[in-house]
Amino acid sequence: VAATQFGIDISDLGGAAGIAWSVFPMDDPVLIPDSNKELLKECHVE
């Protein structure tokens, strides 16, 4: 299910890639580019 949300075949990555789910302070989720570390820093943390 996670793979289909990327619109890619995860098997093409050789079965070795991980997927990280991340929480962002927004009501409508968006796909976060894997190279965008600045958005990762906006995660809700405590």
PDB file of all heavy atoms in Angstrom:
ATOM      1  N   VAL A   1       0.839  -1.205   0.000  1.00  0.00           N
ATOM      2  CA  VAL A   1       0.000   0.000   0.000  1.00  0.00           C
ATOM      3  C   VAL A   1       0.871   1.251   0.000  1.00  0.00           C
ATOM      4  O   VAL A   1       0.595   2.221  -0.714  1.00  0.00           O
ATOM      5  CB  VAL A   1      -0.945  -0.002   1.214  1.00  0.00           C
ATOM      6  CG1 VAL A   1      -1.660   1.333   1.346  1.00  0.00           C
ATOM      7  CG2 VAL A   1      -1.959  -1.135   1.097  1.00  0.00           C
ATOM      8  N   ALA A   2       1.935   1.237   0.800  1.00  0.00           N
ATOM      9  CA  ALA A   2       2.841   2.386   0.828  1.00  0.00           C
ATOM     10  C   ALA A   2       3.482   2.605  -0.530  1.00  0.00           C
ATOM     11  O   ALA A   2       3.624   3.738  -0.994  1.00  0.00           O
ATOM     12  CB  ALA A   2       3.909   2.177   1.894  1.00  0.00           C
ATOM     13  N   ALA A   3       3.865   1.520  -1.184  1.00  0.00           N
ATOM     14  CA  ALA A   3       4.521   1.629  -2.488  1.00  0.00           C
ATOM     15  C   ALA A   3       3.615   2.279  -3.515  1.00  0.00           C
ATOM     16  O   ALA A   3       4.055   3.116  -4.315  1.00  0.00           O
ATOM     17  CB  ALA A   3       4.955   0.244  -2.963  1.00  0.00           C
ATOM     18  N   THR A   4       2.333   1.917  -3.488  1.00  0.00           N
ATOM     19  CA  THR A   4       1.420   2.462  -4.482  1.00  0.00           C
ATOM     20  C   THR A   4       1.234   3.966  -4.313  1.00  0.00           C
ATOM     21  O   THR A   4       0.946   4.676  -5.279  1.00  0.00           O
ATOM     22  CB  THR A   4       0.047   1.775  -4.404  1.00  0.00           C
ATOM     23  OG1 THR A   4      -0.531   1.996  -3.109  1.00  0.00           O
ATOM     24  CG2 THR A   4       0.174   0.277  -4.642  1.00  0.00           C
ATOM     25  N   GLN A   5       1.414   4.471  -3.098  1.00  0.00           N
ATOM     26  CA  GLN A   5       1.258   5.901  -2.876  1.00  0.00           C
ATOM     27  C   GLN A   5       2.399   6.698  -3.503  1.00  0.00           C
ATOM     28  O   GLN A   5       2.277   7.896  -3.733  1.00  0.00           O
ATOM     29  CB  GLN A   5       1.152   6.192  -1.379  1.00  0.00           C
ATOM     30  CG  GLN A   5      -0.090   5.590  -0.767  1.00  0.00           C
ATOM     31  CD  GLN A   5      -0.486   6.263   0.530  1.00  0.00           C
ATOM     32  OE1 GLN A   5      -0.226   7.453   0.738  1.00  0.00           O
ATOM     33  NE2 GLN A   5      -1.125   5.511   1.401  1.00  0.00           N
ATOM     34  N   PHE A   6       3.523   6.019  -3.772  1.00  0.00           N
ATOM     35  CA  PHE A   6       4.627   6.678  -4.474  1.00  0.00           C
ATOM     36  C   PHE A   6       4.433   6.619  -5.981  1.00  0.00           C
ATOM     37  O   PHE A   6       5.102   7.324  -6.731  1.00  0.00           O
ATOM     38  CB  PHE A   6       5.961   6.009  -4.125  1.00  0.00           C
ATOM     39  CG  PHE A   6       6.531   6.444  -2.807  1.00  0.00           C
ATOM     40  CD1 PHE A   6       6.467   5.601  -1.709  1.00  0.00           C
ATOM     41  CD2 PHE A   6       7.130   7.681  -2.658  1.00  0.00           C
ATOM     42  CE1 PHE A   6       6.994   5.992  -0.489  1.00  0.00           C
ATOM     43  CE2 PHE A   6       7.648   8.078  -1.446  1.00  0.00           C
ATOM     44  CZ  PHE A   6       7.583   7.238  -0.365  1.00  0.00           C
ATOM     45  N   GLY A   7       3.565   5.715  -6.431  1.00  0.00           N
ATOM     46  CA  GLY A   7       3.389   5.536  -7.859  1.00  0.00           C
ATOM     47  C   GLY A   7       4.574   4.840  -8.493  1.00  0.00           C
ATOM     48  O   GLY A   7       4.824   4.981  -9.700  1.00  0.00           O
ATOM     49  N   ILE A   8       5.336   4.080  -7.692  1.00  0.00           N
ATOM     50  CA  ILE A   8       6.497   3.360  -8.205  1.00  0.00           C
ATOM     51  C   ILE A   8       6.438   1.921  -7.709  1.00  0.00           C
ATOM     52  O   ILE A   8       5.686   1.583  -6.796  1.00  0.00           O
ATOM     53  CB  ILE A   8       7.828   3.992  -7.739  1.00  0.00           C
ATOM     54  CG1 ILE A   8       7.910   4.000  -6.207  1.00  0.00           C
ATOM     55  CG2 ILE A   8       7.984   5.384  -8.300  1.00  0.00           C
ATOM     56  CD1 ILE A   8       9.234   4.516  -5.693  1.00  0.00           C
ATOM     57  N   ASP A   9       7.246   1.080  -8.337  1.00  0.00           N
ATOM     58  CA  ASP A   9       7.355  -0.312  -7.929  1.00  0.00           C
ATOM     59  C   ASP A   9       8.540  -0.426  -6.982  1.00  0.00           C
ATOM     60  O   ASP A   9       9.692  -0.337  -7.400  1.00  0.00           O
ATOM     61  CB  ASP A   9       7.555  -1.196  -9.156  1.00  0.00           C
ATOM     62  CG  ASP A   9       7.526  -2.684  -8.810  1.00  0.00           C
ATOM     63  OD1 ASP A   9       7.511  -3.013  -7.604  1.00  0.00           O
ATOM     64  OD2 ASP A   9       7.540  -3.501  -9.747  1.00  0.00           O
ATOM     65  N   ILE A  10       8.252  -0.618  -5.673  1.00  0.00           N
ATOM     66  CA  ILE A  10       9.319  -0.689  -4.684  1.00  0.00           C
ATOM     67  C   ILE A  10      10.275  -1.829  -4.984  1.00  0.00           C
ATOM     68  O   ILE A  10      11.459  -1.782  -4.650  1.00  0.00           O
ATOM     69  CB  ILE A  10       8.724  -0.856  -3.266  1.00  0.00           C
ATOM     70  CG1 ILE A  10       7.962   0.409  -2.874  1.00  0.00           C
ATOM     71  CG2 ILE A  10       9.804  -1.114  -2.228  1.00  0.00           C
ATOM     72  CD1 ILE A  10       8.833   1.634  -2.727  1.00  0.00           C
ATOM     73  N   SER A  11       9.801  -2.879  -5.688  1.00  0.00           N
ATOM     74  CA  SER A  11      10.681  -4.002  -6.008  1.00  0.00           C
ATOM     75  C   SER A  11      11.823  -3.575  -6.918  1.00  0.00           C
ATOM     76  O   SER A  11      12.869  -4.216  -6.977  1.00  0.00           O
ATOM     77  CB  SER A  11       9.889  -5.131  -6.671  1.00  0.00           C
ATOM     78  OG  SER A  11       9.344  -4.703  -7.907  1.00  0.00           O
ATOM     79  N   ASP A  12      11.634  -2.461  -7.628  1.00  0.00           N
ATOM     80  CA  ASP A  12      12.708  -1.946  -8.478  1.00  0.00           C
ATOM     81  C   ASP A  12      13.897  -1.476  -7.665  1.00  0.00           C
ATOM     82  O   ASP A  12      14.998  -1.310  -8.182  1.00  0.00           O
ATOM     83  CB  ASP A  12      12.210  -0.775  -9.337  1.00  0.00           C
ATOM     84  CG  ASP A  12      11.231  -1.229 -10.408  1.00  0.00           C
ATOM     85  OD1 ASP A  12      11.208  -2.441 -10.712  1.00  0.00           O
ATOM     86  OD2 ASP A  12      10.486  -0.379 -10.912  1.00  0.00           O
ATOM     87  N   LEU A  13      13.672  -1.246  -6.349  1.00  0.00           N
ATOM     88  CA  LEU A  13      14.757  -0.784  -5.493  1.00  0.00           C
ATOM     89  C   LEU A  13      15.534  -1.943  -4.888  1.00  0.00           C
ATOM     90  O   LEU A  13      16.368  -1.769  -4.012  1.00  0.00           O
ATOM     91  CB  LEU A  13      14.192   0.085  -4.362  1.00  0.00           C
ATOM     92  CG  LEU A  13      13.426   1.317  -4.819  1.00  0.00           C
ATOM     93  CD1 LEU A  13      12.846   2.038  -3.599  1.00  0.00           C
ATOM     94  CD2 LEU A  13      14.307   2.247  -5.616  1.00  0.00           C
ATOM     95  N   GLY A  14      15.245  -3.159  -5.354  1.00  0.00           N
ATOM     96  CA  GLY A  14      15.995  -4.319  -4.884  1.00  0.00           C
ATOM     97  C   GLY A  14      15.582  -4.799  -3.516  1.00  0.00           C
ATOM     98  O   GLY A  14      16.283  -5.589  -2.895  1.00  0.00           O
ATOM     99  N   GLY A  15      14.466  -4.330  -2.994  1.00  0.00           N
ATOM    100  CA  GLY A  15      13.990  -4.783  -1.692  1.00  0.00           C
ATOM    101  C   GLY A  15      14.798  -4.254  -0.536  1.00  0.00           C
ATOM    102  O   GLY A  15      14.638  -4.687   0.599  1.00  0.00           O
ATOM    103  N   ALA A  16      15.708  -3.312  -0.774  1.00  0.00           N
ATOM    104  CA  ALA A  16      16.603  -2.868   0.285  1.00  0.00           C
ATOM    105  C   ALA A  16      16.308  -1.471   0.789  1.00  0.00           C
ATOM    106  O   ALA A  16      16.977  -0.985   1.672  1.00  0.00           O
ATOM    107  CB  ALA A  16      18.055  -2.923  -0.215  1.00  0.00           C
ATOM    108  N   ALA A  17      15.332  -0.807   0.198  1.00  0.00           N
ATOM    109  CA  ALA A  17      15.052   0.565   0.628  1.00  0.00           C
ATOM    110  C   ALA A  17      14.073   0.563   1.785  1.00  0.00           C
ATOM    111  O   ALA A  17      13.197  -0.281   1.879  1.00  0.00           O
ATOM    112  CB  ALA A  17      14.482   1.375  -0.531  1.00  0.00           C
ATOM    113  N   GLY A  18      14.232   1.532   2.675  1.00  0.00           N
ATOM    114  CA  GLY A  18      13.274   1.691   3.761  1.00  0.00           C
ATOM    115  C   GLY A  18      12.356   2.842   3.455  1.00  0.00           C
ATOM    116  O   GLY A  18      12.650   3.688   2.615  1.00  0.00           O
ATOM    117  N   ILE A  19      11.196   2.841   4.111  1.00  0.00           N
ATOM    118  CA  ILE A  19      10.293   3.976   3.993  1.00  0.00           C
ATOM    119  C   ILE A  19      10.084   4.545   5.374  1.00  0.00           C
ATOM    120  O   ILE A  19       9.820   3.804   6.319  1.00  0.00           O
ATOM    121  CB  ILE A  19       8.937   3.568   3.403  1.00  0.00           C
ATOM    122  CG1 ILE A  19       9.116   3.158   1.933  1.00  0.00           C
ATOM    123  CG2 ILE A  19       7.945   4.709   3.485  1.00  0.00           C
ATOM    124  CD1 ILE A  19       7.831   2.775   1.269  1.00  0.00           C
ATOM    125  N   ALA A  20      10.236   5.842   5.536  1.00  0.00           N
ATOM    126  CA  ALA A  20       9.984   6.493   6.822  1.00  0.00           C
ATOM    127  C   ALA A  20       8.712   7.310   6.717  1.00  0.00           C
ATOM    128  O   ALA A  20       8.575   8.131   5.815  1.00  0.00           O
ATOM    129  CB  ALA A  20      11.156   7.396   7.197  1.00  0.00           C
ATOM    130  N   TRP A  21       7.780   7.056   7.602  1.00  0.00           N
ATOM    131  CA  TRP A  21       6.590   7.892   7.703  1.00  0.00           C
ATOM    132  C   TRP A  21       6.882   9.024   8.664  1.00  0.00           C
ATOM    133  O   TRP A  21       7.465   8.813   9.714  1.00  0.00           O
ATOM    134  CB  TRP A  21       5.418   7.076   8.233  1.00  0.00           C
ATOM    135  CG  TRP A  21       4.847   6.157   7.229  1.00  0.00           C
ATOM    136  CD1 TRP A  21       5.350   4.963   6.831  1.00  0.00           C
ATOM    137  CD2 TRP A  21       3.661   6.353   6.482  1.00  0.00           C
ATOM    138  NE1 TRP A  21       4.548   4.405   5.884  1.00  0.00           N
ATOM    139  CE2 TRP A  21       3.502   5.223   5.650  1.00  0.00           C
ATOM    140  CE3 TRP A  21       2.710   7.367   6.431  1.00  0.00           C
ATOM    141  CZ2 TRP A  21       2.424   5.093   4.788  1.00  0.00           C
ATOM    142  CZ3 TRP A  21       1.635   7.228   5.570  1.00  0.00           C
ATOM    143  CH2 TRP A  21       1.501   6.102   4.760  1.00  0.00           C
ATOM    144  N   SER A  22       6.460  10.236   8.315  1.00  0.00           N
ATOM    145  CA  SER A  22       6.765  11.371   9.150  1.00  0.00           C
ATOM    146  C   SER A  22       5.526  12.234   9.359  1.00  0.00           C
ATOM    147  O   SER A  22       4.702  12.371   8.459  1.00  0.00           O
ATOM    148  CB  SER A  22       7.866  12.215   8.498  1.00  0.00           C
ATOM    149  OG  SER A  22       8.380  13.143   9.393  1.00  0.00           O
ATOM    150  N   VAL A  23       5.392  12.785  10.563  1.00  0.00           N
ATOM    151  CA  VAL A  23       4.220  13.590  10.893  1.00  0.00           C
ATOM    152  C   VAL A  23       4.528  15.068  10.697  1.00  0.00           C
ATOM    153  O   VAL A  23       5.514  15.569  11.224  1.00  0.00           O
ATOM    154  CB  VAL A  23       3.809  13.369  12.357  1.00  0.00           C
ATOM    155  CG1 VAL A  23       2.631  14.239  12.717  1.00  0.00           C
ATOM    156  CG2 VAL A  23       3.451  11.903  12.570  1.00  0.00           C
ATOM    157  N   PHE A  24       3.657  15.754   9.961  1.00  0.00           N
ATOM    158  CA  PHE A  24       3.841  17.178   9.721  1.00  0.00           C
ATOM    159  C   PHE A  24       2.640  17.950  10.244  1.00  0.00           C
ATOM    160  O   PHE A  24       1.524  17.436  10.240  1.00  0.00           O
ATOM    161  CB  PHE A  24       4.050  17.450   8.224  1.00  0.00           C
ATOM    162  CG  PHE A  24       5.346  16.934   7.717  1.00  0.00           C
ATOM    163  CD1 PHE A  24       5.483  15.598   7.360  1.00  0.00           C
ATOM    164  CD2 PHE A  24       6.441  17.754   7.636  1.00  0.00           C
ATOM    165  CE1 PHE A  24       6.693  15.109   6.915  1.00  0.00           C
ATOM    166  CE2 PHE A  24       7.661  17.273   7.196  1.00  0.00           C
ATOM    167  CZ  PHE A  24       7.789  15.948   6.834  1.00  0.00           C
ATOM    168  N   PRO A  25       2.832  19.173  10.703  1.00  0.00           N
ATOM    169  CA  PRO A  25       1.733  19.958  11.285  1.00  0.00           C
ATOM    170  C   PRO A  25       0.814  20.531  10.230  1.00  0.00           C
ATOM    171  O   PRO A  25       0.761  21.729   9.990  1.00  0.00           O
ATOM    172  CB  PRO A  25       2.480  21.072  12.031  1.00  0.00           C
ATOM    173  CG  PRO A  25       3.730  21.263  11.224  1.00  0.00           C
ATOM    174  CD  PRO A  25       4.107  19.885  10.746  1.00  0.00           C
ATOM    175  N   MET A  26       0.086  19.625   9.549  1.00  0.00           N
ATOM    176  CA  MET A  26      -0.857  20.065   8.533  1.00  0.00           C
ATOM    177  C   MET A  26      -1.990  19.049   8.489  1.00  0.00           C
ATOM    178  O   MET A  26      -1.813  17.887   8.796  1.00  0.00           O
ATOM    179  CB  MET A  26      -0.181  20.176   7.164  1.00  0.00           C
ATOM    180  CG  MET A  26       0.498  18.904   6.701  1.00  0.00           C
ATOM    181  SD  MET A  26       1.324  19.113   5.123  1.00  0.00           S
ATOM    182  CE  MET A  26       2.666  20.205   5.575  1.00  0.00           C
ATOM    183  N   ASP A  27      -3.193  19.503   8.133  1.00  0.00           N
ATOM    184  CA  ASP A  27      -4.347  18.621   8.096  1.00  0.00           C
ATOM    185  C   ASP A  27      -4.366  17.755   6.845  1.00  0.00           C
ATOM    186  O   ASP A  27      -4.802  16.617   6.872  1.00  0.00           O
ATOM    187  CB  ASP A  27      -5.638  19.428   8.183  1.00  0.00           C
ATOM    188  CG  ASP A  27      -5.779  20.133   9.528  1.00  0.00           C
ATOM    189  OD1 ASP A  27      -5.288  19.577  10.524  1.00  0.00           O
ATOM    190  OD2 ASP A  27      -6.372  21.220   9.565  1.00  0.00           O
ATOM    191  N   ASP A  28      -3.916  18.320   5.721  1.00  0.00           N
ATOM    192  CA  ASP A  28      -3.918  17.578   4.470  1.00  0.00           C
ATOM    193  C   ASP A  28      -2.501  17.115   4.168  1.00  0.00           C
ATOM    194  O   ASP A  28      -1.638  17.924   3.874  1.00  0.00           O
ATOM    195  CB  ASP A  28      -4.427  18.469   3.321  1.00  0.00           C
ATOM    196  CG  ASP A  28      -5.859  18.908   3.562  1.00  0.00           C
ATOM    197  OD1 ASP A  28      -6.656  18.082   4.024  1.00  0.00           O
ATOM    198  OD2 ASP A  28      -6.156  20.085   3.291  1.00  0.00           O
ATOM    199  N   PRO A  29      -2.264  15.792   4.227  1.00  0.00           N
ATOM    200  CA  PRO A  29      -0.912  15.279   4.012  1.00  0.00           C
ATOM    201  C   PRO A  29      -0.446  15.480   2.577  1.00  0.00           C
ATOM    202  O   PRO A  29      -1.242  15.476   1.643  1.00  0.00           O
ATOM    203  CB  PRO A  29      -1.038  13.795   4.349  1.00  0.00           C
ATOM    204  CG  PRO A  29      -2.475  13.472   4.122  1.00  0.00           C
ATOM    205  CD  PRO A  29      -3.226  14.711   4.495  1.00  0.00           C
ATOM    206  N   VAL A  30       0.841  15.662   2.411  1.00  0.00           N
ATOM    207  CA  VAL A  30       1.423  15.805   1.088  1.00  0.00           C
ATOM    208  C   VAL A  30       2.630  14.880   0.992  1.00  0.00           C
ATOM    209  O   VAL A  30       3.214  14.489   1.997  1.00  0.00           O
ATOM    210  CB  VAL A  30       1.882  17.260   0.811  1.00  0.00           C
ATOM    211  CG1 VAL A  30       0.705  18.190   0.806  1.00  0.00           C
ATOM    212  CG2 VAL A  30       2.925  17.703   1.835  1.00  0.00           C
ATOM    213  N   LEU A  31       3.002  14.516  -0.218  1.00  0.00           N
ATOM    214  CA  LEU A  31       4.182  13.695  -0.421  1.00  0.00           C
ATOM    215  C   LEU A  31       5.422  14.559  -0.233  1.00  0.00           C
ATOM    216  O   LEU A  31       5.546  15.624  -0.825  1.00  0.00           O
ATOM    217  CB  LEU A  31       4.171  13.105  -1.835  1.00  0.00           C
ATOM    218  CG  LEU A  31       5.304  12.131  -2.172  1.00  0.00           C
ATOM    219  CD1 LEU A  31       5.193  10.895  -1.289  1.00  0.00           C
ATOM    220  CD2 LEU A  31       5.231  11.737  -3.638  1.00  0.00           C
ATOM    221  N   ILE A  32       6.328  14.093   0.620  1.00  0.00           N
ATOM    222  CA  ILE A  32       7.534  14.858   0.918  1.00  0.00           C
ATOM    223  C   ILE A  32       8.710  14.288   0.140  1.00  0.00           C
ATOM    224  O   ILE A  32       9.015  13.119   0.253  1.00  0.00           O
ATOM    225  CB  ILE A  32       7.860  14.790   2.431  1.00  0.00           C
ATOM    226  CG1 ILE A  32       6.640  15.217   3.247  1.00  0.00           C
ATOM    227  CG2 ILE A  32       9.064  15.649   2.763  1.00  0.00           C
ATOM    228  CD1 ILE A  32       6.157  16.612   2.953  1.00  0.00           C
ATOM    229  N   PRO A  33       9.393  15.095  -0.690  1.00  0.00           N
ATOM    230  CA  PRO A  33      10.547  14.588  -1.431  1.00  0.00           C
ATOM    231  C   PRO A  33      11.599  14.034  -0.481  1.00  0.00           C
ATOM    232  O   PRO A  33      11.865  14.600   0.571  1.00  0.00           O
ATOM    233  CB  PRO A  33      11.070  15.831  -2.174  1.00  0.00           C
ATOM    234  CG  PRO A  33       9.897  16.751  -2.239  1.00  0.00           C
ATOM    235  CD  PRO A  33       9.121  16.510  -0.978  1.00  0.00           C
ATOM    236  N   ASP A  34      12.241  12.936  -0.878  1.00  0.00           N
ATOM    237  CA  ASP A  34      13.188  12.293   0.037  1.00  0.00           C
ATOM    238  C   ASP A  34      14.464  13.093   0.227  1.00  0.00           C
ATOM    239  O   ASP A  34      15.256  12.787   1.113  1.00  0.00           O
ATOM    240  CB  ASP A  34      13.528  10.877  -0.452  1.00  0.00           C
ATOM    241  CG  ASP A  34      14.195  10.873  -1.815  1.00  0.00           C
ATOM    242  OD1 ASP A  34      14.245  11.926  -2.477  1.00  0.00           O
ATOM    243  OD2 ASP A  34      14.655   9.800  -2.225  1.00  0.00           O
ATOM    244  N   SER A  35      14.671  14.142  -0.557  1.00  0.00           N
ATOM    245  CA  SER A  35      15.879  14.942  -0.390  1.00  0.00           C
ATOM    246  C   SER A  35      15.635  16.222   0.406  1.00  0.00           C
ATOM    247  O   SER A  35      16.552  16.999   0.631  1.00  0.00           O
ATOM    248  CB  SER A  35      16.437  15.326  -1.771  1.00  0.00           C
ATOM    249  OG  SER A  35      15.493  16.103  -2.477  1.00  0.00           O
ATOM    250  N   ASN A  36      14.383  16.435   0.856  1.00  0.00           N
ATOM    251  CA  ASN A  36      14.041  17.709   1.490  1.00  0.00           C
ATOM    252  C   ASN A  36      14.165  17.614   3.007  1.00  0.00           C
ATOM    253  O   ASN A  36      13.210  17.372   3.714  1.00  0.00           O
ATOM    254  CB  ASN A  36      12.624  18.131   1.108  1.00  0.00           C
ATOM    255  CG  ASN A  36      12.400  19.605   1.386  1.00  0.00           C
ATOM    256  OD1 ASN A  36      12.984  20.162   2.298  1.00  0.00           O
ATOM    257  ND2 ASN A  36      11.557  20.220   0.584  1.00  0.00           N
ATOM    258  N   LYS A  37      15.354  17.805   3.534  1.00  0.00           N
ATOM    259  CA  LYS A  37      15.572  17.658   4.970  1.00  0.00           C
ATOM    260  C   LYS A  37      14.979  18.827   5.754  1.00  0.00           C
ATOM    261  O   LYS A  37      14.702  18.694   6.940  1.00  0.00           O
ATOM    262  CB  LYS A  37      17.061  17.546   5.271  1.00  0.00           C
ATOM    263  CG  LYS A  37      17.880  18.816   4.998  1.00  0.00           C
ATOM    264  CD  LYS A  37      19.315  18.615   5.412  1.00  0.00           C
ATOM    265  CE  LYS A  37      20.145  19.872   5.192  1.00  0.00           C
ATOM    266  NZ  LYS A  37      21.530  19.698   5.636  1.00  0.00           N
ATOM    267  N   GLU A  38      14.755  19.968   5.113  1.00  0.00           N
ATOM    268  CA  GLU A  38      14.210  21.104   5.848  1.00  0.00           C
ATOM    269  C   GLU A  38      12.777  20.819   6.287  1.00  0.00           C
ATOM    270  O   GLU A  38      12.374  21.184   7.382  1.00  0.00           O
ATOM    271  CB  GLU A  38      14.257  22.368   4.972  1.00  0.00           C
ATOM    272  CG  GLU A  38      15.668  22.858   4.705  1.00  0.00           C
ATOM    273  CD  GLU A  38      16.448  23.122   5.978  1.00  0.00           C
ATOM    274  OE1 GLU A  38      15.878  23.690   6.931  1.00  0.00           O
ATOM    275  OE2 GLU A  38      17.630  22.750   6.028  1.00  0.00           O
ATOM    276  N   LEU A  39      11.985  20.166   5.448  1.00  0.00           N
ATOM    277  CA  LEU A  39      10.629  19.836   5.825  1.00  0.00           C
ATOM    278  C   LEU A  39      10.607  18.842   6.971  1.00  0.00           C
ATOM    279  O   LEU A  39       9.739  18.884   7.830  1.00  0.00           O
ATOM    280  CB  LEU A  39       9.861  19.269   4.626  1.00  0.00           C
ATOM    281  CG  LEU A  39       9.404  20.297   3.593  1.00  0.00           C
ATOM    282  CD1 LEU A  39       8.740  19.595   2.418  1.00  0.00           C
ATOM    283  CD2 LEU A  39       8.446  21.299   4.206  1.00  0.00           C
ATOM    284  N   LEU A  40      11.569  17.940   7.021  1.00  0.00           N
ATOM    285  CA  LEU A  40      11.623  16.976   8.103  1.00  0.00           C
ATOM    286  C   LEU A  40      11.772  17.676   9.441  1.00  0.00           C
ATOM    287  O   LEU A  40      11.224  17.250  10.458  1.00  0.00           O
ATOM    288  CB  LEU A  40      12.799  16.019   7.887  1.00  0.00           C
ATOM    289  CG  LEU A  40      13.003  14.943   8.954  1.00  0.00           C
ATOM    290  CD1 LEU A  40      11.795  14.019   9.007  1.00  0.00           C
ATOM    291  CD2 LEU A  40      14.267  14.158   8.679  1.00  0.00           C
ATOM    292  N   LYS A  41      12.484  18.780   9.471  1.00  0.00           N
ATOM    293  CA  LYS A  41      12.715  19.489  10.719  1.00  0.00           C
ATOM    294  C   LYS A  41      11.442  20.121  11.275  1.00  0.00           C
ATOM    295  O   LYS A  41      11.406  20.557  12.417  1.00  0.00           O
ATOM    296  CB  LYS A  41      13.777  20.575  10.510  1.00  0.00           C
ATOM    297  CG  LYS A  41      15.168  20.005  10.222  1.00  0.00           C
ATOM    298  CD  LYS A  41      16.184  21.108   9.998  1.00  0.00           C
ATOM    299  CE  LYS A  41      17.560  20.556   9.695  1.00  0.00           C
ATOM    300  NZ  LYS A  41      18.537  21.621   9.444  1.00  0.00           N
ATOM    301  N   GLU A  42      10.374  20.193  10.452  1.00  0.00           N
ATOM    302  CA  GLU A  42       9.130  20.787  10.903  1.00  0.00           C
ATOM    303  C   GLU A  42       8.222  19.788  11.608  1.00  0.00           C
ATOM    304  O   GLU A  42       7.112  20.107  11.978  1.00  0.00           O
ATOM    305  CB  GLU A  42       8.390  21.395   9.704  1.00  0.00           C
ATOM    306  CG  GLU A  42       9.155  22.544   9.061  1.00  0.00           C
ATOM    307  CD  GLU A  42       8.441  23.079   7.842  1.00  0.00           C
ATOM    308  OE1 GLU A  42       7.301  22.646   7.581  1.00  0.00           O
ATOM    309  OE2 GLU A  42       9.014  23.921   7.152  1.00  0.00           O
ATOM    310  N   CYS A  43       8.690  18.534  11.791  1.00  0.00           N
ATOM    311  CA  CYS A  43       7.865  17.527  12.458  1.00  0.00           C
ATOM    312  C   CYS A  43       7.439  18.011  13.836  1.00  0.00           C
ATOM    313  O   CYS A  43       8.179  18.701  14.522  1.00  0.00           O
ATOM    314  CB  CYS A  43       8.638  16.216  12.625  1.00  0.00           C
ATOM    315  SG  CYS A  43       8.890  15.340  11.101  1.00  0.00           S
ATOM    316  N   HIS A  44       6.235  17.632  14.239  1.00  0.00           N
ATOM    317  CA  HIS A  44       5.745  17.960  15.578  1.00  0.00           C
ATOM    318  C   HIS A  44       6.472  17.076  16.580  1.00  0.00           C
ATOM    319  O   HIS A  44       6.367  15.868  16.542  1.00  0.00           O
ATOM    320  CB  HIS A  44       4.243  17.697  15.643  1.00  0.00           C
ATOM    321  CG  HIS A  44       3.641  18.061  16.958  1.00  0.00           C
ATOM    322  ND1 HIS A  44       3.039  19.277  17.170  1.00  0.00           N
ATOM    323  CD2 HIS A  44       3.578  17.393  18.126  1.00  0.00           C
ATOM    324  CE1 HIS A  44       2.599  19.322  18.418  1.00  0.00           C
ATOM    325  NE2 HIS A  44       2.908  18.191  19.008  1.00  0.00           N
ATOM    326  N   VAL A  45       7.239  17.662  17.495  1.00  0.00           N
ATOM    327  CA  VAL A  45       8.042  16.878  18.427  1.00  0.00           C
ATOM    328  C   VAL A  45       7.877  17.421  19.833  1.00  0.00           C
ATOM    329  O   VAL A  45       7.550  18.573  20.036  1.00  0.00           O
ATOM    330  CB  VAL A  45       9.544  16.913  18.050  1.00  0.00           C
ATOM    331  CG1 VAL A  45       9.767  16.291  16.697  1.00  0.00           C
ATOM    332  CG2 VAL A  45      10.091  18.328  18.077  1.00  0.00           C
ATOM    333  N   GLU A  46       8.119  16.534  20.823  1.00  0.00           N
ATOM    334  CA  GLU A  46       8.019  16.992  22.193  1.00  0.00           C
ATOM    335  C   GLU A  46       9.088  16.376  23.103  1.00  0.00           C
ATOM    336  O   GLU A  46      10.207  16.822  23.114  1.00  0.00           O
ATOM    337  CB  GLU A  46       6.610  16.734  22.737  1.00  0.00           C
ATOM    338  CG  GLU A  46       5.585  17.658  22.083  1.00  0.00           C
ATOM    339  CD  GLU A  46       4.219  17.549  22.709  1.00  0.00           C
ATOM    340  OE1 GLU A  46       4.121  17.068  23.843  1.00  0.00           O
ATOM    341  OE2 GLU A  46       3.246  17.948  22.061  1.00  0.00           O
TER     342      GLU A  46
END
